[in-house]
Amino acid sequence: MKKNLILLFMLLTATLANAGIVYVCPDTTHINTPGSFTVEIHADENTLDFRGYRIVLAYDASIMAFESAERGPLLDGYGSYWWRVFDVSPDSLHIECMGFGAGISVDGPGNILTLTFQTQSPGTSELVIRQLTVYDVDGMPMEGMATANGVVEIDSSVGGLSEAVADRGLKVSPNPFVDRVLLEWRQQRPGEVKIVLIAMNGSGAHEIWGGTKPAGQQHQTVECDNIPSGAYLLRISAGGITAGRKVIRR
């Protein structure tokens, strides 16, 4: 009996030692310029013979704002795949990716997911992998997978939302809107402006206007007749500093 227990312990130890890890890469991301930045999620060399994943992430929305997600190059070889980004709240960002086809799989190490965020204010936000399921070649959950969280540090030189676009002064009308929308905001300094609609269901982002604006009060009408109906985050970026509102396209 004692020998059997020792053998079982050795087998469990070996299994855990070879368990795969999915981790935030790099473990600490330093940002010293305002605007968009990317963080990657990687699978290590012990994550073998898998075809997809489901991951739930959390972060501090006062420090950074989610913009978009793309599957990593490790999973680019699939002819067809399932991809979904949903429930994009900062404490529950869900992303799913699964390759289709008999017997297909990939091996780590490599990038399985690239996330794009926007700076919001100086500070430190942990990027937490709250839940993870990795699916094997047969589409079944793999046992023993481990995770490692990351940290995003935004330098004090980046500044906050109010430095270029005053969030409190952003007005959107009408809301809900049909084919066009009027935006009003006060811009504290001249510079490039980009207006983007980000689908709340994770289906993508649409740049609806871009150009240069002087300092002062702004009025901009934007045509949106080619935008699908749904809920969006309307985001104005000026000099890398952003302000946003939730809007509905009917």
C-alpha atoms as a PDB file:
ATOM      1  CA  MET A   1       0.000   0.000   0.000  1.00  0.00           C
ATOM      2  CA  LYS A   2       2.802   2.403   0.935  1.00  0.00           C
ATOM      3  CA  LYS A   3       4.545   1.763  -2.406  1.00  0.00           C
ATOM      4  CA  ASN A   4       1.293   2.403  -4.260  1.00  0.00           C
ATOM      5  CA  LEU A   5       0.792   5.699  -2.433  1.00  0.00           C
ATOM      6  CA  ILE A   6       4.345   6.763  -3.248  1.00  0.00           C
ATOM      7  CA  LEU A   7       3.847   5.858  -6.907  1.00  0.00           C
ATOM      8  CA  LEU A   8       0.562   7.787  -7.027  1.00  0.00           C
ATOM      9  CA  PHE A   9       2.219  10.832  -5.440  1.00  0.00           C
ATOM     10  CA  MET A  10       5.038  10.671  -8.003  1.00  0.00           C
ATOM     11  CA  LEU A  11       2.547  10.463 -10.869  1.00  0.00           C
ATOM     12  CA  LEU A  12       0.556  13.433  -9.548  1.00  0.00           C
ATOM     13  CA  THR A  13       3.723  15.455  -9.052  1.00  0.00           C
ATOM     14  CA  ALA A  14       4.868  14.713 -12.597  1.00  0.00           C
ATOM     15  CA  THR A  15       1.472  15.645 -13.981  1.00  0.00           C
ATOM     16  CA  LEU A  16       1.419  18.964 -12.146  1.00  0.00           C
ATOM     17  CA  ALA A  17       5.009  19.710 -13.157  1.00  0.00           C
ATOM     18  CA  ASN A  18       4.047  19.305 -16.813  1.00  0.00           C
ATOM     19  CA  ALA A  19       0.754  21.196 -16.559  1.00  0.00           C
ATOM     20  CA  GLY A  20       0.339  23.970 -19.059  1.00  0.00           C
ATOM     21  CA  ILE A  21       0.246  27.640 -18.103  1.00  0.00           C
ATOM     22  CA  VAL A  22      -1.665  30.462 -19.794  1.00  0.00           C
ATOM     23  CA  TYR A  23      -0.251  33.818 -18.784  1.00  0.00           C
ATOM     24  CA  VAL A  24      -0.291  37.568 -19.423  1.00  0.00           C
ATOM     25  CA  CYS A  25       2.732  38.627 -21.481  1.00  0.00           C
ATOM     26  CA  PRO A  26       4.665  40.575 -20.420  1.00  0.00           C
ATOM     27  CA  ASP A  27       3.862  40.112 -16.751  1.00  0.00           C
ATOM     28  CA  THR A  28       4.273  43.877 -16.288  1.00  0.00           C
ATOM     29  CA  THR A  29       3.414  46.359 -19.047  1.00  0.00           C
ATOM     30  CA  HIS A  30       4.727  49.920 -18.651  1.00  0.00           C
ATOM     31  CA  ILE A  31       2.854  52.643 -20.597  1.00  0.00           C
ATOM     32  CA  ASN A  32       4.319  56.152 -20.811  1.00  0.00           C
ATOM     33  CA  THR A  33       2.390  57.550 -23.798  1.00  0.00           C
ATOM     34  CA  PRO A  34      -1.389  58.095 -23.999  1.00  0.00           C
ATOM     35  CA  GLY A  35      -3.568  56.143 -26.405  1.00  0.00           C
ATOM     36  CA  SER A  36      -3.927  52.524 -27.433  1.00  0.00           C
ATOM     37  CA  PHE A  37      -1.659  49.741 -26.231  1.00  0.00           C
ATOM     38  CA  THR A  38      -1.684  45.962 -26.477  1.00  0.00           C
ATOM     39  CA  VAL A  39      -1.253  43.116 -24.022  1.00  0.00           C
ATOM     40  CA  GLU A  40      -0.883  39.483 -25.066  1.00  0.00           C
ATOM     41  CA  ILE A  41      -2.063  36.220 -23.550  1.00  0.00           C
ATOM     42  CA  HIS A  42       0.339  33.325 -24.158  1.00  0.00           C
ATOM     43  CA  ALA A  43       0.305  29.561 -23.712  1.00  0.00           C
ATOM     44  CA  ASP A  44       3.559  28.004 -22.528  1.00  0.00           C
ATOM     45  CA  GLU A  45       5.533  25.069 -23.974  1.00  0.00           C
ATOM     46  CA  ASN A  46       3.631  22.561 -21.822  1.00  0.00           C
ATOM     47  CA  THR A  47       0.264  23.533 -23.317  1.00  0.00           C
ATOM     48  CA  LEU A  48       0.107  20.902 -26.038  1.00  0.00           C
ATOM     49  CA  ASP A  49      -2.390  19.466 -28.489  1.00  0.00           C
ATOM     50  CA  PHE A  50      -5.174  22.014 -27.877  1.00  0.00           C
ATOM     51  CA  ARG A  51      -7.681  23.596 -30.234  1.00  0.00           C
ATOM     52  CA  GLY A  52      -9.235  26.487 -28.348  1.00  0.00           C
ATOM     53  CA  TYR A  53     -10.043  28.255 -25.108  1.00  0.00           C
ATOM     54  CA  ARG A  54     -12.542  30.234 -23.084  1.00  0.00           C
ATOM     55  CA  ILE A  55     -11.102  32.991 -20.920  1.00  0.00           C
ATOM     56  CA  VAL A  56     -12.630  35.545 -18.538  1.00  0.00           C
ATOM     57  CA  LEU A  57     -10.565  38.628 -17.673  1.00  0.00           C
ATOM     58  CA  ALA A  58     -10.869  41.514 -15.227  1.00  0.00           C
ATOM     59  CA  TYR A  59      -9.131  44.905 -15.012  1.00  0.00           C
ATOM     60  CA  ASP A  60      -9.501  48.384 -13.511  1.00  0.00           C
ATOM     61  CA  ALA A  61     -11.648  50.472 -15.898  1.00  0.00           C
ATOM     62  CA  SER A  62     -10.531  53.716 -14.264  1.00  0.00           C
ATOM     63  CA  ILE A  63      -6.966  52.979 -15.442  1.00  0.00           C
ATOM     64  CA  MET A  64      -7.606  51.451 -18.877  1.00  0.00           C
ATOM     65  CA  ALA A  65     -10.552  50.789 -21.210  1.00  0.00           C
ATOM     66  CA  PHE A  66     -11.048  47.702 -23.375  1.00  0.00           C
ATOM     67  CA  GLU A  67     -11.044  48.457 -27.113  1.00  0.00           C
ATOM     68  CA  SER A  68     -10.772  45.186 -29.051  1.00  0.00           C
ATOM     69  CA  ALA A  69      -9.490  41.600 -29.079  1.00  0.00           C
ATOM     70  CA  GLU A  70      -7.890  39.425 -31.767  1.00  0.00           C
ATOM     71  CA  ARG A  71      -6.945  35.772 -31.725  1.00  0.00           C
ATOM     72  CA  GLY A  72      -3.207  35.249 -31.465  1.00  0.00           C
ATOM     73  CA  PRO A  73      -0.996  33.996 -34.312  1.00  0.00           C
ATOM     74  CA  LEU A  74      -0.661  30.576 -32.699  1.00  0.00           C
ATOM     75  CA  LEU A  75      -4.289  29.970 -33.718  1.00  0.00           C
ATOM     76  CA  ASP A  76      -4.139  31.580 -37.181  1.00  0.00           C
ATOM     77  CA  GLY A  77      -3.783  28.291 -39.040  1.00  0.00           C
ATOM     78  CA  TYR A  78      -7.387  27.169 -38.644  1.00  0.00           C
ATOM     79  CA  GLY A  79      -9.460  27.148 -41.825  1.00  0.00           C
ATOM     80  CA  SER A  80     -12.583  27.912 -39.797  1.00  0.00           C
ATOM     81  CA  TYR A  81     -13.103  28.718 -36.164  1.00  0.00           C
ATOM     82  CA  TRP A  82     -15.521  29.954 -33.522  1.00  0.00           C
ATOM     83  CA  TRP A  83     -14.675  33.406 -32.157  1.00  0.00           C
ATOM     84  CA  ARG A  84     -16.732  35.422 -29.700  1.00  0.00           C
ATOM     85  CA  VAL A  85     -16.134  38.423 -27.432  1.00  0.00           C
ATOM     86  CA  PHE A  86     -19.015  39.169 -25.059  1.00  0.00           C
ATOM     87  CA  ASP A  87     -19.989  40.608 -21.686  1.00  0.00           C
ATOM     88  CA  VAL A  88     -17.275  43.243 -22.069  1.00  0.00           C
ATOM     89  CA  SER A  89     -17.611  44.698 -18.565  1.00  0.00           C
ATOM     90  CA  PRO A  90     -14.277  45.337 -16.797  1.00  0.00           C
ATOM     91  CA  ASP A  91     -14.853  42.602 -14.216  1.00  0.00           C
ATOM     92  CA  SER A  92     -16.080  39.997 -16.693  1.00  0.00           C
ATOM     93  CA  LEU A  93     -14.565  40.215 -20.188  1.00  0.00           C
ATOM     94  CA  HIS A  94     -15.375  36.892 -21.901  1.00  0.00           C
ATOM     95  CA  ILE A  95     -13.506  35.652 -24.980  1.00  0.00           C
ATOM     96  CA  GLU A  96     -13.918  32.318 -26.736  1.00  0.00           C
ATOM     97  CA  CYS A  97     -11.905  30.795 -29.589  1.00  0.00           C
ATOM     98  CA  MET A  98     -12.234  27.295 -31.027  1.00  0.00           C
ATOM     99  CA  GLY A  99     -10.854  25.817 -34.231  1.00  0.00           C
ATOM    100  CA  PHE A 100     -13.116  23.601 -36.335  1.00  0.00           C
ATOM    101  CA  GLY A 101     -12.013  20.423 -38.070  1.00  0.00           C
ATOM    102  CA  ALA A 102     -11.330  16.779 -37.248  1.00  0.00           C
ATOM    103  CA  GLY A 103      -8.102  16.203 -35.373  1.00  0.00           C
ATOM    104  CA  ILE A 104      -6.798  19.776 -35.567  1.00  0.00           C
ATOM    105  CA  SER A 105      -4.736  21.184 -32.700  1.00  0.00           C
ATOM    106  CA  VAL A 106      -1.760  23.408 -31.924  1.00  0.00           C
ATOM    107  CA  ASP A 107       1.096  23.312 -29.441  1.00  0.00           C
ATOM    108  CA  GLY A 108       2.518  26.077 -27.280  1.00  0.00           C
ATOM    109  CA  PRO A 109       4.436  28.187 -26.716  1.00  0.00           C
ATOM    110  CA  GLY A 110       2.890  31.195 -28.413  1.00  0.00           C
ATOM    111  CA  ASN A 111       0.415  34.065 -28.439  1.00  0.00           C
ATOM    112  CA  ILE A 112      -3.216  32.923 -28.304  1.00  0.00           C
ATOM    113  CA  LEU A 113      -4.866  36.321 -27.737  1.00  0.00           C
ATOM    114  CA  THR A 114      -4.015  40.007 -28.290  1.00  0.00           C
ATOM    115  CA  LEU A 115      -5.960  42.625 -26.328  1.00  0.00           C
ATOM    116  CA  THR A 116      -6.053  46.341 -27.159  1.00  0.00           C
ATOM    117  CA  PHE A 117      -6.792  48.860 -24.418  1.00  0.00           C
ATOM    118  CA  GLN A 118      -6.926  52.650 -24.182  1.00  0.00           C
ATOM    119  CA  THR A 119      -5.220  54.595 -21.412  1.00  0.00           C
ATOM    120  CA  GLN A 120      -7.675  56.284 -19.052  1.00  0.00           C
ATOM    121  CA  SER A 121      -5.632  57.678 -16.166  1.00  0.00           C
ATOM    122  CA  PRO A 122      -2.282  57.143 -14.421  1.00  0.00           C
ATOM    123  CA  GLY A 123      -2.087  54.209 -12.055  1.00  0.00           C
ATOM    124  CA  THR A 124      -1.695  50.452 -11.837  1.00  0.00           C
ATOM    125  CA  SER A 125      -4.236  47.856 -12.916  1.00  0.00           C
ATOM    126  CA  GLU A 126      -3.924  44.133 -12.487  1.00  0.00           C
ATOM    127  CA  LEU A 127      -5.046  42.147 -15.543  1.00  0.00           C
ATOM    128  CA  VAL A 128      -6.579  39.081 -13.946  1.00  0.00           C
ATOM    129  CA  ILE A 129      -7.399  35.774 -15.635  1.00  0.00           C
ATOM    130  CA  ARG A 130     -10.494  35.018 -13.562  1.00  0.00           C
ATOM    131  CA  GLN A 131     -11.508  31.849 -15.394  1.00  0.00           C
ATOM    132  CA  LEU A 132      -9.823  29.670 -18.007  1.00  0.00           C
ATOM    133  CA  THR A 133     -10.839  26.595 -19.955  1.00  0.00           C
ATOM    134  CA  VAL A 134      -8.478  25.164 -22.574  1.00  0.00           C
ATOM    135  CA  TYR A 135      -9.971  22.584 -24.958  1.00  0.00           C
ATOM    136  CA  ASP A 136      -8.018  19.577 -26.198  1.00  0.00           C
ATOM    137  CA  VAL A 137      -7.966  18.124 -29.707  1.00  0.00           C
ATOM    138  CA  ASP A 138     -11.315  16.422 -29.028  1.00  0.00           C
ATOM    139  CA  GLY A 139     -12.907  19.635 -27.744  1.00  0.00           C
ATOM    140  CA  MET A 140     -12.838  18.508 -24.111  1.00  0.00           C
ATOM    141  CA  PRO A 141     -11.577  20.667 -21.198  1.00  0.00           C
ATOM    142  CA  MET A 142      -7.942  20.005 -20.338  1.00  0.00           C
ATOM    143  CA  GLU A 143      -7.168  19.238 -16.701  1.00  0.00           C
ATOM    144  CA  GLY A 144      -4.513  20.897 -14.582  1.00  0.00           C
ATOM    145  CA  MET A 145      -4.153  24.159 -16.500  1.00  0.00           C
ATOM    146  CA  ALA A 146      -2.632  27.029 -14.523  1.00  0.00           C
ATOM    147  CA  THR A 147      -2.773  30.807 -15.045  1.00  0.00           C
ATOM    148  CA  ALA A 148      -0.545  33.792 -14.306  1.00  0.00           C
ATOM    149  CA  ASN A 149      -1.913  37.336 -14.113  1.00  0.00           C
ATOM    150  CA  GLY A 150      -0.247  40.514 -15.314  1.00  0.00           C
ATOM    151  CA  VAL A 151       0.029  44.161 -14.331  1.00  0.00           C
ATOM    152  CA  VAL A 152      -0.366  47.336 -16.406  1.00  0.00           C
ATOM    153  CA  GLU A 153       1.382  50.444 -15.092  1.00  0.00           C
ATOM    154  CA  ILE A 154       0.378  53.767 -16.697  1.00  0.00           C
ATOM    155  CA  ASP A 155       2.869  56.532 -16.020  1.00  0.00           C
ATOM    156  CA  SER A 156       1.844  59.809 -14.410  1.00  0.00           C
ATOM    157  CA  SER A 157       2.965  61.638 -17.571  1.00  0.00           C
ATOM    158  CA  VAL A 158       0.038  60.105 -19.496  1.00  0.00           C
ATOM    159  CA  GLY A 159      -2.553  62.279 -17.739  1.00  0.00           C
ATOM    160  CA  GLY A 160      -6.254  61.728 -17.277  1.00  0.00           C
ATOM    161  CA  LEU A 161      -9.386  61.980 -19.356  1.00  0.00           C
ATOM    162  CA  SER A 162      -9.924  65.678 -18.746  1.00  0.00           C
ATOM    163  CA  GLU A 163      -6.621  66.847 -20.260  1.00  0.00           C
ATOM    164  CA  ALA A 164      -7.753  66.798 -23.905  1.00  0.00           C
ATOM    165  CA  VAL A 165     -11.444  65.913 -24.017  1.00  0.00           C
ATOM    166  CA  ALA A 166     -13.604  66.837 -21.046  1.00  0.00           C
ATOM    167  CA  ASP A 167     -15.759  63.756 -20.408  1.00  0.00           C
ATOM    168  CA  ARG A 168     -18.428  65.759 -18.576  1.00  0.00           C
ATOM    169  CA  GLY A 169     -18.805  68.033 -21.597  1.00  0.00           C
ATOM    170  CA  LEU A 170     -19.388  65.250 -24.129  1.00  0.00           C
ATOM    171  CA  LYS A 171     -22.970  65.320 -25.437  1.00  0.00           C
ATOM    172  CA  VAL A 172     -24.507  62.865 -27.894  1.00  0.00           C
ATOM    173  CA  SER A 173     -27.866  63.518 -29.527  1.00  0.00           C
ATOM    174  CA  PRO A 174     -30.161  61.977 -30.335  1.00  0.00           C
ATOM    175  CA  ASN A 175     -29.602  58.811 -28.330  1.00  0.00           C
ATOM    176  CA  PRO A 176     -30.868  56.379 -29.516  1.00  0.00           C
ATOM    177  CA  PHE A 177     -30.080  57.525 -33.074  1.00  0.00           C
ATOM    178  CA  VAL A 178     -30.964  56.216 -36.539  1.00  0.00           C
ATOM    179  CA  ASP A 179     -28.676  57.334 -39.365  1.00  0.00           C
ATOM    180  CA  ARG A 180     -26.733  60.294 -37.938  1.00  0.00           C
ATOM    181  CA  VAL A 181     -25.612  61.603 -34.585  1.00  0.00           C
ATOM    182  CA  LEU A 182     -24.509  65.021 -33.313  1.00  0.00           C
ATOM    183  CA  LEU A 183     -21.566  65.203 -30.926  1.00  0.00           C
ATOM    184  CA  GLU A 184     -20.582  68.179 -28.805  1.00  0.00           C
ATOM    185  CA  TRP A 185     -17.491  68.416 -26.620  1.00  0.00           C
ATOM    186  CA  ARG A 186     -14.943  70.909 -25.369  1.00  0.00           C
ATOM    187  CA  GLN A 187     -11.344  70.352 -26.423  1.00  0.00           C
ATOM    188  CA  GLN A 188      -8.653  71.970 -24.311  1.00  0.00           C
ATOM    189  CA  ARG A 189      -5.938  71.891 -26.979  1.00  0.00           C
ATOM    190  CA  PRO A 190      -5.818  71.448 -30.776  1.00  0.00           C
ATOM    191  CA  GLY A 191      -4.998  68.065 -32.240  1.00  0.00           C
ATOM    192  CA  GLU A 192      -6.060  64.936 -34.056  1.00  0.00           C
ATOM    193  CA  VAL A 193      -9.487  63.558 -33.150  1.00  0.00           C
ATOM    194  CA  LYS A 194     -10.851  60.078 -33.803  1.00  0.00           C
ATOM    195  CA  ILE A 195     -14.446  59.012 -33.181  1.00  0.00           C
ATOM    196  CA  VAL A 196     -15.101  55.282 -32.921  1.00  0.00           C
ATOM    197  CA  LEU A 197     -18.146  53.114 -32.268  1.00  0.00           C
ATOM    198  CA  ILE A 198     -17.236  49.904 -30.428  1.00  0.00           C
ATOM    199  CA  ALA A 199     -19.923  47.205 -30.491  1.00  0.00           C
ATOM    200  CA  MET A 200     -20.885  46.108 -26.986  1.00  0.00           C
ATOM    201  CA  ASN A 201     -21.372  42.526 -28.241  1.00  0.00           C
ATOM    202  CA  GLY A 202     -17.724  42.358 -29.282  1.00  0.00           C
ATOM    203  CA  SER A 203     -18.422  42.182 -33.025  1.00  0.00           C
ATOM    204  CA  GLY A 204     -15.979  44.966 -33.861  1.00  0.00           C
ATOM    205  CA  ALA A 205     -15.221  48.669 -33.961  1.00  0.00           C
ATOM    206  CA  HIS A 206     -16.137  51.280 -36.579  1.00  0.00           C
ATOM    207  CA  GLU A 207     -14.200  54.502 -37.035  1.00  0.00           C
ATOM    208  CA  ILE A 208     -16.936  56.990 -37.995  1.00  0.00           C
ATOM    209  CA  TRP A 209     -14.924  60.205 -38.110  1.00  0.00           C
ATOM    210  CA  GLY A 210     -11.332  61.366 -38.033  1.00  0.00           C
ATOM    211  CA  GLY A 211      -9.644  64.726 -38.489  1.00  0.00           C
ATOM    212  CA  THR A 212      -8.081  67.727 -36.786  1.00  0.00           C
ATOM    213  CA  LYS A 213      -9.892  70.074 -34.424  1.00  0.00           C
ATOM    214  CA  PRO A 214      -8.816  73.373 -32.821  1.00  0.00           C
ATOM    215  CA  ALA A 215      -9.108  74.026 -29.122  1.00  0.00           C
ATOM    216  CA  GLY A 216     -12.531  75.081 -27.888  1.00  0.00           C
ATOM    217  CA  GLN A 217     -16.140  73.971 -28.141  1.00  0.00           C
ATOM    218  CA  GLN A 218     -16.736  71.394 -30.888  1.00  0.00           C
ATOM    219  CA  HIS A 219     -19.812  70.307 -32.866  1.00  0.00           C
ATOM    220  CA  GLN A 220     -19.621  67.372 -35.250  1.00  0.00           C
ATOM    221  CA  THR A 221     -22.419  65.579 -37.112  1.00  0.00           C
ATOM    222  CA  VAL A 222     -21.506  62.033 -38.116  1.00  0.00           C
ATOM    223  CA  GLU A 223     -23.328  59.850 -40.646  1.00  0.00           C
ATOM    224  CA  CYS A 224     -23.913  56.310 -39.353  1.00  0.00           C
ATOM    225  CA  ASP A 225     -26.250  54.814 -41.956  1.00  0.00           C
ATOM    226  CA  ASN A 226     -23.810  51.934 -42.659  1.00  0.00           C
ATOM    227  CA  ILE A 227     -23.514  50.931 -38.992  1.00  0.00           C
ATOM    228  CA  PRO A 228     -25.531  47.869 -37.871  1.00  0.00           C
ATOM    229  CA  SER A 229     -28.202  48.341 -35.223  1.00  0.00           C
ATOM    230  CA  GLY A 230     -27.190  47.631 -31.654  1.00  0.00           C
ATOM    231  CA  ALA A 231     -25.539  48.952 -28.490  1.00  0.00           C
ATOM    232  CA  TYR A 232     -22.171  50.700 -28.806  1.00  0.00           C
ATOM    233  CA  LEU A 233     -19.572  52.540 -26.807  1.00  0.00           C
ATOM    234  CA  LEU A 234     -19.009  55.834 -28.634  1.00  0.00           C
ATOM    235  CA  ARG A 235     -15.469  56.949 -27.939  1.00  0.00           C
ATOM    236  CA  ILE A 236     -13.723  60.196 -28.832  1.00  0.00           C
ATOM    237  CA  SER A 237      -9.932  60.156 -28.752  1.00  0.00           C
ATOM    238  CA  ALA A 238      -7.953  63.402 -28.886  1.00  0.00           C
ATOM    239  CA  GLY A 239      -4.232  63.212 -28.401  1.00  0.00           C
ATOM    240  CA  GLY A 240      -4.651  59.709 -27.035  1.00  0.00           C
ATOM    241  CA  ILE A 241      -7.009  60.838 -24.263  1.00  0.00           C
ATOM    242  CA  THR A 242     -10.517  59.475 -24.512  1.00  0.00           C
ATOM    243  CA  ALA A 243     -14.084  60.166 -23.466  1.00  0.00           C
ATOM    244  CA  GLY A 244     -17.021  57.886 -24.102  1.00  0.00           C
ATOM    245  CA  ARG A 245     -20.757  57.358 -23.931  1.00  0.00           C
ATOM    246  CA  LYS A 246     -22.961  54.317 -24.362  1.00  0.00           C
ATOM    247  CA  VAL A 247     -25.245  54.819 -27.390  1.00  0.00           C
ATOM    248  CA  ILE A 248     -27.923  52.850 -29.232  1.00  0.00           C
ATOM    249  CA  ARG A 249     -28.143  52.617 -33.042  1.00  0.00           C
ATOM    250  CA  ARG A 250     -31.704  51.752 -34.099  1.00  0.00           C
END
